[in-house]
Amino acid sequence: MKGNGLERFKLVLTAVVLTTFLISIISISSTVTATETHTISAWGDVSLSEDLSEGDVINWSWETDGDSLSFWIEDEEGNYYENEETSSSSGSFEVNSDGEWELRWSNFHDSEVVLEYDVTVESADDETSFFTSIYGAVTIAIIILLGGFIYYMVVYEKKKKEVDEFKKSQPQYQQPQRQPSSSTSQPQGQQSRSQQYQQTQQQPFTQSQQAPPPPAQESSTQQTQQQDGKPCPECDSPMRYVQQYDRLYCDNCEKYQ
């Protein structure tokens, strides 16, 4: 959602900037006054009038089908400028006062003349309009950018808060503890036979402890098999291991060692 919102905002901002720029370019473009073709009768004339401001620039380009024409530019006070007689002409003229200005073509021949002309006017406010339009476009873009950024931050913080609250409402997962392997562990309170034997050897019977009863007499063959080979510490006679009590018994001393 975060990425999609940002992409939409970029597209909207780009569209607004381009639209504003195009409107600015169109508003400052030169105004085409006329592009026409006229047939001027013998001893006749054609004129083109326009209300202009000081600093405006008139651009013209015209030609005839052969015969020459008299061409000049005239202000509203009757002053002549760019007076010439030719069959084609092109140039520009900067207006020096506000008012109505006239472009005139006169035919001083006994036959008609076909005239084709193209006249444009560049406003003196074009440069000012250009910078004003660019400034306006930049201002609009900055306002939209700031507004979109504020909106984006508000929505983002709201979504972030909702996600945090959702995470807090979910139960915490605890990883189960691994139980020790049964092959290497022993139940509490149980010891192996070797451990019991070692504890018995390290802790001999005291007077307060009662020795187990003497083992039953066994055959000589069984005694030989069960003899441990360890001599009695008192009489040096071989002792035998009694499995029932997990002890060594000396038959000569008739007691457990």
Protein backbone atom coordinates (compact mmCIF):
# COMPACT_ATOMS: atom_id res chain seq x y z
CA MET A 1 0.00 0.00 0.00
CA LYS A 2 2.88 2.30 0.83
CA GLY A 3 4.53 1.85 -2.57
CA ASN A 4 1.26 2.21 -4.53
CA GLY A 5 0.34 5.47 -2.77
CA LEU A 6 3.73 6.98 -3.48
CA GLU A 7 3.59 6.03 -7.16
CA ARG A 8 0.11 7.58 -7.55
CA PHE A 9 1.31 10.76 -5.89
CA LYS A 10 4.28 10.99 -8.30
CA LEU A 11 1.99 10.53 -11.32
CA VAL A 12 -0.43 13.21 -10.15
CA LEU A 13 2.40 15.65 -9.44
CA THR A 14 3.97 15.03 -12.87
CA ALA A 15 0.63 15.56 -14.64
CA VAL A 16 -0.01 18.84 -12.79
CA VAL A 17 3.45 20.21 -13.55
CA LEU A 18 3.24 19.30 -17.26
CA THR A 19 -0.25 20.77 -17.60
CA THR A 20 0.79 24.01 -15.92
CA PHE A 21 3.89 24.25 -18.11
CA LEU A 22 1.91 23.71 -21.31
CA ILE A 23 -0.62 26.35 -20.29
CA SER A 24 2.25 28.75 -19.63
CA ILE A 25 3.82 28.09 -23.04
CA ILE A 26 0.50 28.57 -24.82
CA SER A 27 -0.22 31.79 -22.95
CA ILE A 28 3.13 33.37 -23.90
CA SER A 29 3.27 32.22 -27.50
CA SER A 30 3.22 34.82 -30.27
CA THR A 31 -0.17 35.89 -31.59
CA VAL A 32 -0.73 35.30 -35.27
CA THR A 33 -2.47 38.40 -36.55
CA ALA A 34 -3.11 37.31 -40.11
CA THR A 35 -2.13 34.90 -42.86
CA GLU A 36 -4.16 35.84 -45.91
CA THR A 37 -4.17 36.28 -49.68
CA HIS A 38 -5.72 39.36 -51.32
CA THR A 39 -6.18 40.56 -54.89
CA ILE A 40 -5.51 44.30 -55.00
CA SER A 41 -7.24 46.11 -57.84
CA ALA A 42 -5.49 48.78 -59.95
CA TRP A 43 -4.78 51.83 -57.86
CA GLY A 44 -6.26 50.09 -54.87
CA ASP A 45 -4.84 49.20 -51.45
CA VAL A 46 -5.13 46.73 -48.54
CA SER A 47 -4.50 47.52 -44.87
CA LEU A 48 -4.21 45.59 -41.60
CA SER A 49 -4.80 47.37 -38.27
CA GLU A 50 -3.99 46.23 -34.71
CA ASP A 51 -4.03 47.84 -31.26
CA LEU A 52 -0.49 47.48 -29.93
CA SER A 53 1.55 48.50 -26.90
CA GLU A 54 4.96 50.09 -26.73
CA GLY A 55 7.64 47.46 -27.08
CA ASP A 56 5.55 45.06 -29.13
CA VAL A 57 7.29 43.66 -32.20
CA ILE A 58 5.61 43.33 -35.60
CA ASN A 59 6.97 40.57 -37.84
CA TRP A 60 5.92 40.40 -41.48
CA SER A 61 6.59 38.43 -44.59
CA TRP A 62 4.76 39.05 -47.88
CA GLU A 63 5.09 38.68 -51.66
CA THR A 64 3.13 39.35 -54.87
CA ASP A 65 2.53 37.43 -58.05
CA GLY A 66 4.99 39.68 -59.91
CA ASP A 67 4.25 43.40 -59.77
CA SER A 68 5.56 45.57 -56.95
CA LEU A 69 3.54 47.22 -54.19
CA SER A 70 4.16 50.17 -51.94
CA PHE A 71 4.41 48.98 -48.29
CA TRP A 72 4.64 51.00 -45.04
CA ILE A 73 3.72 50.94 -41.36
CA GLU A 74 1.72 53.85 -39.96
CA ASP A 75 0.83 54.88 -36.40
CA GLU A 76 -2.39 56.58 -35.40
CA GLU A 77 -0.76 60.00 -35.71
CA GLY A 78 0.03 59.43 -39.42
CA ASN A 79 3.76 58.77 -39.11
CA TYR A 80 5.22 56.39 -41.71
CA TYR A 81 7.78 53.66 -41.01
CA GLU A 82 9.48 51.02 -43.16
CA ASN A 83 8.28 52.69 -46.36
CA GLU A 84 9.33 50.67 -49.45
CA GLU A 85 8.16 49.59 -52.91
CA THR A 86 8.94 45.99 -53.85
CA SER A 87 7.36 42.70 -54.87
CA SER A 88 8.34 40.89 -51.64
CA SER A 89 9.53 41.84 -48.21
CA SER A 90 10.15 40.47 -44.72
CA GLY A 91 11.27 42.07 -41.49
CA SER A 92 10.34 43.26 -38.02
CA PHE A 93 9.51 46.54 -36.34
CA GLU A 94 9.34 47.47 -32.64
CA VAL A 95 6.37 49.64 -31.77
CA ASN A 96 7.39 52.90 -30.03
CA SER A 97 4.01 53.96 -28.64
CA ASP A 98 0.69 52.60 -27.54
CA GLY A 99 -2.24 52.85 -29.95
CA GLU A 100 -3.56 51.60 -33.25
CA TRP A 101 -0.94 50.64 -35.84
CA GLU A 102 -1.59 49.92 -39.51
CA LEU A 103 0.24 47.94 -42.18
CA ARG A 104 -0.69 49.13 -45.73
CA TRP A 105 -0.03 47.82 -49.24
CA SER A 106 -0.91 50.11 -52.22
CA ASN A 107 -1.06 49.17 -55.91
CA PHE A 108 0.01 52.02 -58.19
CA HIS A 109 -0.38 49.97 -61.35
CA ASP A 110 -3.07 49.77 -63.98
CA SER A 111 -3.52 46.03 -63.38
CA GLU A 112 -4.48 44.05 -60.29
CA VAL A 113 -1.84 42.40 -58.06
CA VAL A 114 -2.20 39.26 -55.95
CA LEU A 115 -0.75 39.71 -52.43
CA GLU A 116 -0.04 36.98 -49.90
CA TYR A 117 1.14 38.03 -46.43
CA ASP A 118 1.88 36.60 -42.98
CA VAL A 119 1.97 39.02 -40.04
CA THR A 120 2.59 38.17 -36.37
CA VAL A 121 2.94 40.25 -33.24
CA GLU A 122 5.20 39.43 -30.29
CA SER A 123 3.96 41.03 -27.10
CA ALA A 124 6.38 43.03 -24.97
CA ASP A 125 4.96 41.19 -21.97
CA ASP A 126 6.09 37.80 -23.31
CA GLU A 127 9.27 37.71 -21.19
CA THR A 128 7.43 38.85 -18.10
CA SER A 129 4.64 36.39 -18.79
CA PHE A 130 7.16 33.61 -19.25
CA PHE A 131 8.79 34.08 -15.87
CA THR A 132 5.44 34.72 -14.22
CA SER A 133 4.02 31.51 -15.67
CA ILE A 134 7.07 29.46 -14.67
CA TYR A 135 6.92 30.92 -11.17
CA GLY A 136 3.25 30.05 -10.96
CA ALA A 137 3.88 26.50 -12.14
CA VAL A 138 6.68 25.99 -9.61
CA THR A 139 4.52 27.44 -6.84
CA ILE A 140 1.63 25.14 -7.69
CA ALA A 141 3.97 22.14 -7.84
CA ILE A 142 5.45 22.98 -4.41
CA ILE A 143 2.00 23.42 -2.85
CA ILE A 144 0.84 20.07 -4.26
CA LEU A 145 4.06 18.39 -3.14
CA LEU A 146 3.76 19.70 0.42
CA GLY A 147 0.08 18.81 0.60
CA GLY A 148 0.70 15.32 -0.72
CA PHE A 149 3.62 14.81 1.67
CA ILE A 150 1.55 15.86 4.67
CA TYR A 151 -1.32 13.61 3.59
CA TYR A 152 1.05 10.72 2.99
CA MET A 153 2.67 11.09 6.43
CA VAL A 154 -0.71 11.23 8.18
CA VAL A 155 -1.95 8.10 6.40
CA TYR A 156 1.36 6.30 6.92
CA GLU A 157 1.46 7.04 10.65
CA LYS A 158 -2.14 5.90 11.01
CA LYS A 159 -1.44 2.62 9.23
CA LYS A 160 1.73 2.10 11.26
CA LYS A 161 -0.18 2.61 14.51
CA GLU A 162 -2.83 0.10 13.43
CA VAL A 163 -0.17 -2.48 12.58
CA ASP A 164 1.57 -1.99 15.95
CA GLU A 165 -1.71 -2.40 17.82
CA PHE A 166 -2.50 -5.53 15.84
CA LYS A 167 0.90 -7.04 16.68
CA LYS A 168 0.41 -6.29 20.38
CA SER A 169 -2.99 -7.99 20.37
CA GLN A 170 -1.55 -11.23 19.00
CA PRO A 171 -0.35 -13.92 21.52
CA GLN A 172 3.38 -14.17 21.91
CA TYR A 173 4.88 -17.34 20.50
CA GLN A 174 7.35 -19.12 22.77
CA GLN A 175 9.63 -21.75 21.37
CA PRO A 176 9.28 -25.02 23.33
CA GLN A 177 12.31 -26.08 25.33
CA ARG A 178 14.13 -29.10 24.08
CA GLN A 179 13.93 -32.11 26.37
CA PRO A 180 17.13 -34.06 27.05
CA SER A 181 17.56 -37.30 25.18
CA SER A 182 16.35 -40.40 26.96
CA SER A 183 19.43 -42.30 25.81
CA THR A 184 21.79 -40.05 27.75
CA SER A 185 19.59 -39.14 30.74
CA GLN A 186 18.47 -41.25 33.68
CA PRO A 187 15.32 -40.85 35.73
CA GLN A 188 15.79 -38.87 38.90
CA GLY A 189 16.42 -41.09 41.92
CA GLN A 190 17.77 -44.02 39.86
CA GLN A 191 21.41 -44.99 39.58
CA SER A 192 23.24 -47.55 37.57
CA ARG A 193 24.57 -50.71 39.21
CA SER A 194 28.17 -49.55 38.84
CA GLN A 195 27.35 -46.24 40.58
CA GLN A 196 25.68 -48.09 43.44
CA TYR A 197 28.67 -50.42 43.74
CA GLN A 198 31.14 -47.52 43.81
CA GLN A 199 29.12 -45.73 46.49
CA THR A 200 28.99 -48.96 48.52
CA GLN A 201 32.77 -49.40 48.26
CA GLN A 202 33.41 -45.76 49.22
CA GLN A 203 30.98 -45.87 52.17
CA PRO A 204 31.66 -49.04 54.29
CA PHE A 205 29.14 -50.18 56.89
CA THR A 206 29.36 -48.61 60.31
CA GLN A 207 28.21 -50.07 63.59
CA SER A 208 24.88 -48.31 63.26
CA GLN A 209 24.28 -49.91 59.89
CA GLN A 210 23.16 -53.53 59.69
CA ALA A 211 24.89 -55.78 57.14
CA PRO A 212 22.68 -57.90 54.94
CA PRO A 213 22.31 -61.55 55.97
CA PRO A 214 24.97 -64.04 54.81
CA PRO A 215 24.32 -65.45 51.39
CA ALA A 216 23.17 -69.01 50.95
CA GLN A 217 25.92 -71.57 50.54
CA GLU A 218 26.62 -72.41 46.95
CA SER A 219 28.43 -75.25 45.29
CA SER A 220 32.15 -75.05 44.81
CA THR A 221 31.69 -74.65 41.08
CA GLN A 222 29.35 -71.69 41.56
CA GLN A 223 31.66 -70.19 44.17
CA THR A 224 34.58 -70.45 41.78
CA GLN A 225 32.55 -68.76 39.06
CA GLN A 226 31.31 -66.03 41.36
CA GLN A 227 34.61 -65.30 43.06
CA ASP A 228 35.72 -61.87 42.24
CA GLY A 229 39.36 -62.61 42.88
CA LYS A 230 39.75 -59.67 45.22
CA PRO A 231 41.34 -60.77 48.55
CA CYS A 232 39.65 -60.03 51.83
CA PRO A 233 41.29 -57.07 53.57
CA GLU A 234 41.32 -59.03 56.86
CA CYS A 235 42.21 -62.63 56.00
CA ASP A 236 43.38 -62.34 52.40
CA SER A 237 40.92 -65.06 51.40
CA PRO A 238 39.21 -64.69 48.04
CA MET A 239 35.85 -63.00 48.28
CA ARG A 240 32.79 -63.64 46.15
CA TYR A 241 30.35 -61.21 44.66
CA VAL A 242 26.76 -61.48 45.91
CA GLN A 243 24.52 -60.22 43.16
CA GLN A 244 21.45 -60.00 45.40
CA TYR A 245 23.10 -57.34 47.60
CA ASP A 246 25.65 -56.09 45.13
CA ARG A 247 28.40 -56.76 47.69
CA LEU A 248 31.57 -58.82 48.18
CA TYR A 249 31.33 -61.52 50.85
CA CYS A 250 34.18 -63.32 52.63
CA ASP A 251 33.23 -66.88 53.51
CA ASN A 252 36.20 -67.20 55.86
CA CYS A 253 35.31 -64.13 57.89
CA GLU A 254 31.59 -64.71 57.28
CA LYS A 255 30.90 -61.07 56.61
CA TYR A 256 30.64 -58.56 53.82
CA GLN A 257 33.58 -56.38 53.07
